[in-house]
C-alpha cells in the first residue's frame, strides 16, 4: 500500500492511485477485531480488539451505494488490522499500525494518530483530525484469498462475472449482466453515471478493461483479486509489530 501523504487540513492532492480530501466521520456502532493475515508477508498476526466494540461500524462509509454491501465490507475492514510498511512515493516509506479504527503512523521523523475509514470495497481513507477540521488520504486495495493487498495503483475484486474496481478517482461496478456503473465519491456523496468496463479474455487469461475519462485501462485478474501491474509488483509488506516496521523503514 502506498499513500499520498499530503495531509494539509484543507488541501486536495492527487497522486497516482491515491487522492487526498476532506471528509466527514461515520457514526459508531458494533464490531470486533480478530486474528488476521498480515498482507504480503503471509504471516498471521493477532491484533488486540479495541477497548470498545464500535470500530467496525465507525469505519464504514455513510450513504454508500447499496451494492457495496455485497463485497463483505466488515471483512475488508478486518483485513486492514495489523502492522504495515507503506511506500507513498518512490523511495519514501511510512510505518503503520492499525488497531480497530485507530492508525499509528511514523514517517521516520513524526509519529501521528490517524483514523481508518472505508470509502468503498476497494478504497480506504486515512483520516487526520485537527482543531481546524480533518483531512484524509485515500489508497486503493483488494483482498487476495482474504489477505490485504494494497498499494499505489488501481485495485478491485471479482465475483463471477461481477466486479468492483477503484481506479483514478472513481469506483466502477460491473454486474452479472455486464452493466457498468461509475461512482464518483465526493465528501461522503457518490455521484452515479454510466461507464464502460468489462471482464475480457486475453489469451488464456482474463483481464478487467475500462475507459475512464477517455483513457483505456487494463488490469490483472488474479483469482478473486483485480489489480494493476504496479500494485502487484510492490504491495505493502506486513510486520509482526510496529517496532519491526519502523526498523524496516530505516
C-alpha atoms as a PDB file:
ATOM      1  CA  UNK A   1       0.000   0.000   0.000  1.00  0.00           C
ATOM      2  CA  UNK A   2       1.387   3.381  -0.900  1.00  0.00           C
ATOM      3  CA  UNK A   3      -0.143   6.537   0.407  1.00  0.00           C
ATOM      4  CA  UNK A   4      -0.117  10.081  -0.839  1.00  0.00           C
ATOM      5  CA  UNK A   5       0.695  11.699   2.470  1.00  0.00           C
ATOM      6  CA  UNK A   6      -0.131  15.327   1.684  1.00  0.00           C
ATOM      7  CA  UNK A   7      -2.289  15.770   4.757  1.00  0.00           C
ATOM      8  CA  UNK A   8      -2.778  19.542   4.850  1.00  0.00           C
ATOM      9  CA  UNK A   9      -6.045  20.243   6.639  1.00  0.00           C
ATOM     10  CA  UNK A  10      -7.848  21.666   3.614  1.00  0.00           C
ATOM     11  CA  UNK A  11      -5.596  20.683   0.708  1.00  0.00           C
ATOM     12  CA  UNK A  12      -6.706  18.354  -2.069  1.00  0.00           C
ATOM     13  CA  UNK A  13      -3.785  16.445  -3.570  1.00  0.00           C
ATOM     14  CA  UNK A  14      -3.811  13.719  -6.228  1.00  0.00           C
ATOM     15  CA  UNK A  15      -1.004  11.160  -6.506  1.00  0.00           C
ATOM     16  CA  UNK A  16      -1.083   8.142  -8.852  1.00  0.00           C
ATOM     17  CA  UNK A  17      -3.574   5.705  -7.381  1.00  0.00           C
ATOM     18  CA  UNK A  18      -4.313   7.905  -4.318  1.00  0.00           C
ATOM     19  CA  UNK A  19      -6.174  11.089  -3.528  1.00  0.00           C
ATOM     20  CA  UNK A  20      -6.420  13.454  -0.608  1.00  0.00           C
ATOM     21  CA  UNK A  21      -9.586  15.204   0.500  1.00  0.00           C
ATOM     22  CA  UNK A  22     -11.554  16.397   3.486  1.00  0.00           C
ATOM     23  CA  UNK A  23     -14.210  14.057   4.799  1.00  0.00           C
ATOM     24  CA  UNK A  24     -16.866  13.522   7.448  1.00  0.00           C
ATOM     25  CA  UNK A  25     -16.618  10.835  10.154  1.00  0.00           C
ATOM     26  CA  UNK A  26     -19.075   7.917  10.217  1.00  0.00           C
ATOM     27  CA  UNK A  27     -21.201   7.144  13.287  1.00  0.00           C
ATOM     28  CA  UNK A  28     -20.115   4.292  15.572  1.00  0.00           C
ATOM     29  CA  UNK A  29     -21.959   1.028  16.149  1.00  0.00           C
ATOM     30  CA  UNK A  30     -20.782  -2.536  16.849  1.00  0.00           C
ATOM     31  CA  UNK A  31     -17.995  -4.861  15.693  1.00  0.00           C
ATOM     32  CA  UNK A  32     -14.892  -6.738  16.797  1.00  0.00           C
ATOM     33  CA  UNK A  33     -11.308  -7.399  15.832  1.00  0.00           C
ATOM     34  CA  UNK A  34      -9.811 -10.805  15.059  1.00  0.00           C
ATOM     35  CA  UNK A  35      -6.691 -12.715  14.090  1.00  0.00           C
ATOM     36  CA  UNK A  36      -5.984 -11.616  10.526  1.00  0.00           C
ATOM     37  CA  UNK A  37      -3.453 -12.427   7.792  1.00  0.00           C
ATOM     38  CA  UNK A  38      -0.589  -9.949   7.597  1.00  0.00           C
ATOM     39  CA  UNK A  39      -0.566  -8.859   3.968  1.00  0.00           C
ATOM     40  CA  UNK A  40       2.105  -9.931   1.531  1.00  0.00           C
ATOM     41  CA  UNK A  41       4.288 -11.280   4.339  1.00  0.00           C
ATOM     42  CA  UNK A  42       1.756 -14.098   4.684  1.00  0.00           C
ATOM     43  CA  UNK A  43       2.046 -14.370   8.482  1.00  0.00           C
ATOM     44  CA  UNK A  44      -0.955 -14.261  10.817  1.00  0.00           C
ATOM     45  CA  UNK A  45      -0.799 -11.522  13.422  1.00  0.00           C
ATOM     46  CA  UNK A  46      -3.089 -11.396  16.447  1.00  0.00           C
ATOM     47  CA  UNK A  47      -4.493  -7.882  16.672  1.00  0.00           C
ATOM     48  CA  UNK A  48      -5.888  -6.941  20.077  1.00  0.00           C
ATOM     49  CA  UNK A  49      -9.506  -5.772  19.809  1.00  0.00           C
ATOM     50  CA  UNK A  50     -10.117  -2.114  20.648  1.00  0.00           C
ATOM     51  CA  UNK A  51     -11.357  -1.208  24.115  1.00  0.00           C
ATOM     52  CA  UNK A  52     -14.812  -0.575  22.671  1.00  0.00           C
ATOM     53  CA  UNK A  53     -16.606  -2.762  20.144  1.00  0.00           C
ATOM     54  CA  UNK A  54     -17.863   0.008  17.870  1.00  0.00           C
ATOM     55  CA  UNK A  55     -14.973   0.369  15.426  1.00  0.00           C
ATOM     56  CA  UNK A  56     -16.347  -1.756  12.563  1.00  0.00           C
ATOM     57  CA  UNK A  57     -19.428   0.379  12.011  1.00  0.00           C
ATOM     58  CA  UNK A  58     -17.386   3.527  12.640  1.00  0.00           C
ATOM     59  CA  UNK A  59     -15.114   2.835   9.662  1.00  0.00           C
ATOM     60  CA  UNK A  60     -17.960   2.046   7.230  1.00  0.00           C
ATOM     61  CA  UNK A  61     -18.885   4.681   4.630  1.00  0.00           C
ATOM     62  CA  UNK A  62     -22.027   6.738   5.114  1.00  0.00           C
ATOM     63  CA  UNK A  63     -24.683   6.797   2.381  1.00  0.00           C
ATOM     64  CA  UNK A  64     -22.695   4.403   0.170  1.00  0.00           C
ATOM     65  CA  UNK A  65     -24.360   2.708  -2.824  1.00  0.00           C
ATOM     66  CA  UNK A  66     -26.288  -0.380  -1.687  1.00  0.00           C
ATOM     67  CA  UNK A  67     -24.237  -2.618  -3.976  1.00  0.00           C
ATOM     68  CA  UNK A  68     -21.099  -2.085  -1.878  1.00  0.00           C
ATOM     69  CA  UNK A  69     -22.525  -4.356   0.836  1.00  0.00           C
ATOM     70  CA  UNK A  70     -22.243  -7.380  -1.480  1.00  0.00           C
ATOM     71  CA  UNK A  71     -18.447  -7.215  -1.096  1.00  0.00           C
ATOM     72  CA  UNK A  72     -18.338  -8.025   2.651  1.00  0.00           C
ATOM     73  CA  UNK A  73     -17.202  -4.652   3.929  1.00  0.00           C
ATOM     74  CA  UNK A  74     -16.578  -5.893   7.524  1.00  0.00           C
ATOM     75  CA  UNK A  75     -14.105  -8.497   6.228  1.00  0.00           C
ATOM     76  CA  UNK A  76     -12.284  -5.771   4.319  1.00  0.00           C
ATOM     77  CA  UNK A  77     -12.046  -3.583   7.404  1.00  0.00           C
ATOM     78  CA  UNK A  78     -10.677  -6.519   9.421  1.00  0.00           C
ATOM     79  CA  UNK A  79      -8.063  -7.234   6.739  1.00  0.00           C
ATOM     80  CA  UNK A  80      -6.546  -3.810   7.439  1.00  0.00           C
ATOM     81  CA  UNK A  81      -5.816  -4.758  11.038  1.00  0.00           C
ATOM     82  CA  UNK A  82      -2.092  -5.209  11.674  1.00  0.00           C
ATOM     83  CA  UNK A  83       1.230  -3.524  11.016  1.00  0.00           C
ATOM     84  CA  UNK A  84       2.336  -2.447   7.562  1.00  0.00           C
ATOM     85  CA  UNK A  85       5.149  -0.688   5.747  1.00  0.00           C
ATOM     86  CA  UNK A  86       3.750   1.541   3.026  1.00  0.00           C
ATOM     87  CA  UNK A  87       5.571   3.362   0.262  1.00  0.00           C
ATOM     88  CA  UNK A  88       3.566   6.513  -0.595  1.00  0.00           C
ATOM     89  CA  UNK A  89       6.166   7.609  -3.124  1.00  0.00           C
ATOM     90  CA  UNK A  90       9.269   6.208  -4.747  1.00  0.00           C
ATOM     91  CA  UNK A  91      11.844   5.650  -2.009  1.00  0.00           C
ATOM     92  CA  UNK A  92       9.596   7.102   0.718  1.00  0.00           C
ATOM     93  CA  UNK A  93       8.255   4.702   3.370  1.00  0.00           C
ATOM     94  CA  UNK A  94       5.760   5.041   6.226  1.00  0.00           C
ATOM     95  CA  UNK A  95       5.160   2.534   9.030  1.00  0.00           C
ATOM     96  CA  UNK A  96       1.516   1.964  10.005  1.00  0.00           C
ATOM     97  CA  UNK A  97      -0.097   0.169  12.915  1.00  0.00           C
ATOM     98  CA  UNK A  98      -3.854  -0.329  12.507  1.00  0.00           C
ATOM     99  CA  UNK A  99      -5.908  -1.320  15.567  1.00  0.00           C
ATOM    100  CA  UNK A 100      -9.649  -1.024  15.101  1.00  0.00           C
ATOM    101  CA  UNK A 101     -10.219   2.398  13.555  1.00  0.00           C
ATOM    102  CA  UNK A 102      -7.034   3.883  15.061  1.00  0.00           C
ATOM    103  CA  UNK A 103      -3.878   4.143  12.958  1.00  0.00           C
ATOM    104  CA  UNK A 104      -0.452   4.999  14.317  1.00  0.00           C
ATOM    105  CA  UNK A 105       1.871   6.241  11.567  1.00  0.00           C
ATOM    106  CA  UNK A 106       5.575   7.055  11.514  1.00  0.00           C
ATOM    107  CA  UNK A 107       7.426   8.580   8.547  1.00  0.00           C
ATOM    108  CA  UNK A 108      10.893   8.426  10.074  1.00  0.00           C
ATOM    109  CA  UNK A 109      10.537  11.769  11.832  1.00  0.00           C
ATOM    110  CA  UNK A 110       6.981  12.296  13.054  1.00  0.00           C
ATOM    111  CA  UNK A 111       4.528   9.885  14.654  1.00  0.00           C
ATOM    112  CA  UNK A 112       0.840  10.674  14.119  1.00  0.00           C
ATOM    113  CA  UNK A 113      -2.520   9.291  15.189  1.00  0.00           C
ATOM    114  CA  UNK A 114      -4.925   8.783  12.280  1.00  0.00           C
ATOM    115  CA  UNK A 115      -8.248   7.037  11.766  1.00  0.00           C
ATOM    116  CA  UNK A 116      -9.262   4.368   9.259  1.00  0.00           C
ATOM    117  CA  UNK A 117     -12.347   4.858   7.103  1.00  0.00           C
ATOM    118  CA  UNK A 118     -13.523   2.707   4.205  1.00  0.00           C
ATOM    119  CA  UNK A 119     -14.720   4.732   1.237  1.00  0.00           C
ATOM    120  CA  UNK A 120     -15.705   1.660  -0.788  1.00  0.00           C
ATOM    121  CA  UNK A 121     -14.868  -2.049  -1.049  1.00  0.00           C
ATOM    122  CA  UNK A 122     -11.621  -1.081  -2.808  1.00  0.00           C
ATOM    123  CA  UNK A 123     -10.621   2.291  -1.324  1.00  0.00           C
ATOM    124  CA  UNK A 124      -9.745   3.268   2.225  1.00  0.00           C
ATOM    125  CA  UNK A 125      -9.140   6.641   3.830  1.00  0.00           C
ATOM    126  CA  UNK A 126      -6.512   7.547   6.404  1.00  0.00           C
ATOM    127  CA  UNK A 127      -8.021  10.473   8.256  1.00  0.00           C
ATOM    128  CA  UNK A 128      -6.121  13.115  10.222  1.00  0.00           C
ATOM    129  CA  UNK A 129      -8.232  15.242  12.548  1.00  0.00           C
ATOM    130  CA  UNK A 130      -7.275  18.621  13.949  1.00  0.00           C
ATOM    131  CA  UNK A 131      -8.876  21.599  15.664  1.00  0.00           C
ATOM    132  CA  UNK A 132      -9.495  23.119  12.237  1.00  0.00           C
ATOM    133  CA  UNK A 133     -11.289  20.075  10.834  1.00  0.00           C
ATOM    134  CA  UNK A 134      -9.938  16.961   9.162  1.00  0.00           C
ATOM    135  CA  UNK A 135      -8.170  15.817   6.018  1.00  0.00           C
ATOM    136  CA  UNK A 136      -7.606  12.392   4.521  1.00  0.00           C
ATOM    137  CA  UNK A 137      -5.593  10.431   2.019  1.00  0.00           C
ATOM    138  CA  UNK A 138      -7.118   7.575   0.040  1.00  0.00           C
ATOM    139  CA  UNK A 139      -5.459   4.377  -1.095  1.00  0.00           C
ATOM    140  CA  UNK A 140      -6.749   1.543  -3.258  1.00  0.00           C
ATOM    141  CA  UNK A 141      -6.781  -2.045  -2.049  1.00  0.00           C
ATOM    142  CA  UNK A 142      -8.191  -5.513  -2.614  1.00  0.00           C
ATOM    143  CA  UNK A 143      -8.286  -8.861  -0.861  1.00  0.00           C
ATOM    144  CA  UNK A 144      -6.331 -11.749  -2.365  1.00  0.00           C
ATOM    145  CA  UNK A 145      -7.522 -15.006  -0.807  1.00  0.00           C
ATOM    146  CA  UNK A 146      -8.697 -12.990   2.193  1.00  0.00           C
ATOM    147  CA  UNK A 147      -5.416 -11.110   2.670  1.00  0.00           C
ATOM    148  CA  UNK A 148      -4.948  -7.387   2.217  1.00  0.00           C
ATOM    149  CA  UNK A 149      -3.228  -6.309  -0.999  1.00  0.00           C
ATOM    150  CA  UNK A 150      -2.809  -2.544  -1.155  1.00  0.00           C
ATOM    151  CA  UNK A 151      -0.534  -0.023  -2.771  1.00  0.00           C
ATOM    152  CA  UNK A 152      -0.083   2.774  -5.236  1.00  0.00           C
ATOM    153  CA  UNK A 153      -2.194   1.804  -8.236  1.00  0.00           C
ATOM    154  CA  UNK A 154      -5.638   0.520  -9.152  1.00  0.00           C
ATOM    155  CA  UNK A 155      -7.361  -2.371  -7.386  1.00  0.00           C
ATOM    156  CA  UNK A 156     -10.644  -4.204  -7.047  1.00  0.00           C
ATOM    157  CA  UNK A 157     -12.355  -7.549  -6.686  1.00  0.00           C
ATOM    158  CA  UNK A 158     -14.120 -10.069  -8.884  1.00  0.00           C
ATOM    159  CA  UNK A 159     -17.006 -12.419  -8.071  1.00  0.00           C
ATOM    160  CA  UNK A 160     -18.246 -14.481 -11.003  1.00  0.00           C
ATOM    161  CA  UNK A 161     -18.921 -12.012 -13.794  1.00  0.00           C
ATOM    162  CA  UNK A 162     -19.369  -9.148 -11.336  1.00  0.00           C
ATOM    163  CA  UNK A 163     -16.538  -6.834 -10.328  1.00  0.00           C
ATOM    164  CA  UNK A 164     -15.749  -3.655  -8.436  1.00  0.00           C
ATOM    165  CA  UNK A 165     -12.654  -1.577  -9.220  1.00  0.00           C
ATOM    166  CA  UNK A 166     -11.177   1.625  -7.812  1.00  0.00           C
ATOM    167  CA  UNK A 167      -9.186   3.416 -10.487  1.00  0.00           C
ATOM    168  CA  UNK A 168      -8.136   7.032 -10.696  1.00  0.00           C
ATOM    169  CA  UNK A 169     -10.671   8.901  -8.558  1.00  0.00           C
ATOM    170  CA  UNK A 170     -13.704   6.752  -9.400  1.00  0.00           C
ATOM    171  CA  UNK A 171     -15.249   3.422  -8.445  1.00  0.00           C
ATOM    172  CA  UNK A 172     -16.543   1.115 -11.170  1.00  0.00           C
ATOM    173  CA  UNK A 173     -19.124  -1.607 -10.534  1.00  0.00           C
ATOM    174  CA  UNK A 174     -19.829  -4.330 -13.085  1.00  0.00           C
ATOM    175  CA  UNK A 175     -22.892  -6.514 -12.530  1.00  0.00           C
ATOM    176  CA  UNK A 176     -23.512 -10.077 -13.715  1.00  0.00           C
ATOM    177  CA  UNK A 177     -25.472  -8.778 -16.698  1.00  0.00           C
ATOM    178  CA  UNK A 178     -22.497  -6.741 -17.895  1.00  0.00           C
ATOM    179  CA  UNK A 179     -23.804  -3.298 -16.921  1.00  0.00           C
ATOM    180  CA  UNK A 180     -21.025  -0.946 -15.821  1.00  0.00           C
ATOM    181  CA  UNK A 181     -21.645   1.967 -13.455  1.00  0.00           C
ATOM    182  CA  UNK A 182     -19.261   4.693 -12.360  1.00  0.00           C
ATOM    183  CA  UNK A 183     -19.418   6.136  -8.838  1.00  0.00           C
ATOM    184  CA  UNK A 184     -17.543   9.352  -8.099  1.00  0.00           C
ATOM    185  CA  UNK A 185     -17.079   9.910  -4.339  1.00  0.00           C
ATOM    186  CA  UNK A 186     -17.008  13.444  -3.018  1.00  0.00           C
ATOM    187  CA  UNK A 187     -17.229  14.391   0.672  1.00  0.00           C
ATOM    188  CA  UNK A 188     -19.352  11.367   1.575  1.00  0.00           C
ATOM    189  CA  UNK A 189     -21.565  11.502  -1.516  1.00  0.00           C
ATOM    190  CA  UNK A 190     -21.390   9.190  -4.539  1.00  0.00           C
ATOM    191  CA  UNK A 191     -22.362  10.610  -7.938  1.00  0.00           C
ATOM    192  CA  UNK A 192     -23.639   7.886 -10.267  1.00  0.00           C
ATOM    193  CA  UNK A 193     -23.086   7.656 -14.020  1.00  0.00           C
ATOM    194  CA  UNK A 194     -22.822   5.201 -16.878  1.00  0.00           C
ATOM    195  CA  UNK A 195     -19.407   3.763 -17.668  1.00  0.00           C
ATOM    196  CA  UNK A 196     -17.623   1.316 -19.920  1.00  0.00           C
ATOM    197  CA  UNK A 197     -15.983  -1.711 -18.316  1.00  0.00           C
ATOM    198  CA  UNK A 198     -15.894  -5.478 -18.783  1.00  0.00           C
ATOM    199  CA  UNK A 199     -14.185  -8.731 -17.935  1.00  0.00           C
ATOM    200  CA  UNK A 200     -12.467  -9.764 -21.155  1.00  0.00           C
ATOM    201  CA  UNK A 201     -10.403 -12.686 -22.406  1.00  0.00           C
ATOM    202  CA  UNK A 202      -6.740 -12.062 -23.183  1.00  0.00           C
ATOM    203  CA  UNK A 203      -5.005 -15.198 -24.425  1.00  0.00           C
ATOM    204  CA  UNK A 204      -5.568 -17.897 -21.817  1.00  0.00           C
ATOM    205  CA  UNK A 205      -6.306 -15.332 -19.078  1.00  0.00           C
ATOM    206  CA  UNK A 206      -8.931 -12.758 -18.212  1.00  0.00           C
ATOM    207  CA  UNK A 207      -8.432  -9.053 -17.640  1.00  0.00           C
ATOM    208  CA  UNK A 208     -10.581  -6.186 -16.446  1.00  0.00           C
ATOM    209  CA  UNK A 209     -10.907  -3.443 -19.041  1.00  0.00           C
ATOM    210  CA  UNK A 210     -12.417   0.021 -18.742  1.00  0.00           C
ATOM    211  CA  UNK A 211     -12.374   3.511 -20.182  1.00  0.00           C
ATOM    212  CA  UNK A 212     -12.080   6.350 -17.668  1.00  0.00           C
ATOM    213  CA  UNK A 213     -12.095   9.971 -18.817  1.00  0.00           C
ATOM    214  CA  UNK A 214     -11.367   8.745 -22.329  1.00  0.00           C
ATOM    215  CA  UNK A 215      -8.318   6.745 -21.216  1.00  0.00           C
ATOM    216  CA  UNK A 216      -8.170   2.947 -21.605  1.00  0.00           C
ATOM    217  CA  UNK A 217      -7.469   0.798 -18.557  1.00  0.00           C
ATOM    218  CA  UNK A 218      -6.466  -2.860 -18.322  1.00  0.00           C
ATOM    219  CA  UNK A 219      -5.966  -4.619 -15.004  1.00  0.00           C
ATOM    220  CA  UNK A 220      -4.815  -8.087 -13.968  1.00  0.00           C
ATOM    221  CA  UNK A 221      -7.432 -10.569 -12.746  1.00  0.00           C
ATOM    222  CA  UNK A 222      -5.834 -12.914 -10.227  1.00  0.00           C
ATOM    223  CA  UNK A 223      -8.464 -15.227  -8.776  1.00  0.00           C
ATOM    224  CA  UNK A 224     -10.779 -13.034  -6.713  1.00  0.00           C
ATOM    225  CA  UNK A 225      -8.465 -10.011  -6.905  1.00  0.00           C
ATOM    226  CA  UNK A 226      -8.050  -7.319  -9.544  1.00  0.00           C
ATOM    227  CA  UNK A 227      -5.042  -5.015  -9.536  1.00  0.00           C
ATOM    228  CA  UNK A 228      -2.625  -3.014 -11.649  1.00  0.00           C
ATOM    229  CA  UNK A 229       0.819  -4.330 -12.532  1.00  0.00           C
ATOM    230  CA  UNK A 230       2.336  -1.528 -10.444  1.00  0.00           C
ATOM    231  CA  UNK A 231       0.438  -2.518  -7.307  1.00  0.00           C
ATOM    232  CA  UNK A 232       1.077  -6.219  -7.842  1.00  0.00           C
ATOM    233  CA  UNK A 233       4.835  -5.763  -8.077  1.00  0.00           C
ATOM    234  CA  UNK A 234       5.256  -3.643  -4.965  1.00  0.00           C
ATOM    235  CA  UNK A 235       2.440  -4.100  -2.416  1.00  0.00           C
ATOM    236  CA  UNK A 236       2.621  -3.136   1.229  1.00  0.00           C
ATOM    237  CA  UNK A 237       4.525  -5.510   3.492  1.00  0.00           C
ATOM    238  CA  UNK A 238       3.212  -6.817   6.818  1.00  0.00           C
ATOM    239  CA  UNK A 239       5.240  -6.943  10.040  1.00  0.00           C
ATOM    240  CA  UNK A 240       4.864  -8.589  13.439  1.00  0.00           C
ATOM    241  CA  UNK A 241       4.907  -5.293  15.317  1.00  0.00           C
ATOM    242  CA  UNK A 242       5.304  -1.532  14.924  1.00  0.00           C
ATOM    243  CA  UNK A 243       8.948  -1.567  16.023  1.00  0.00           C
ATOM    244  CA  UNK A 244       9.794  -4.016  13.227  1.00  0.00           C
ATOM    245  CA  UNK A 245       8.034  -1.879  10.622  1.00  0.00           C
ATOM    246  CA  UNK A 246       9.843   1.228  11.873  1.00  0.00           C
ATOM    247  CA  UNK A 247      13.174  -0.573  11.721  1.00  0.00           C
ATOM    248  CA  UNK A 248      12.458  -1.718   8.158  1.00  0.00           C
ATOM    249  CA  UNK A 249      11.554   1.843   7.196  1.00  0.00           C
ATOM    250  CA  UNK A 250      15.090   2.956   8.025  1.00  0.00           C
END
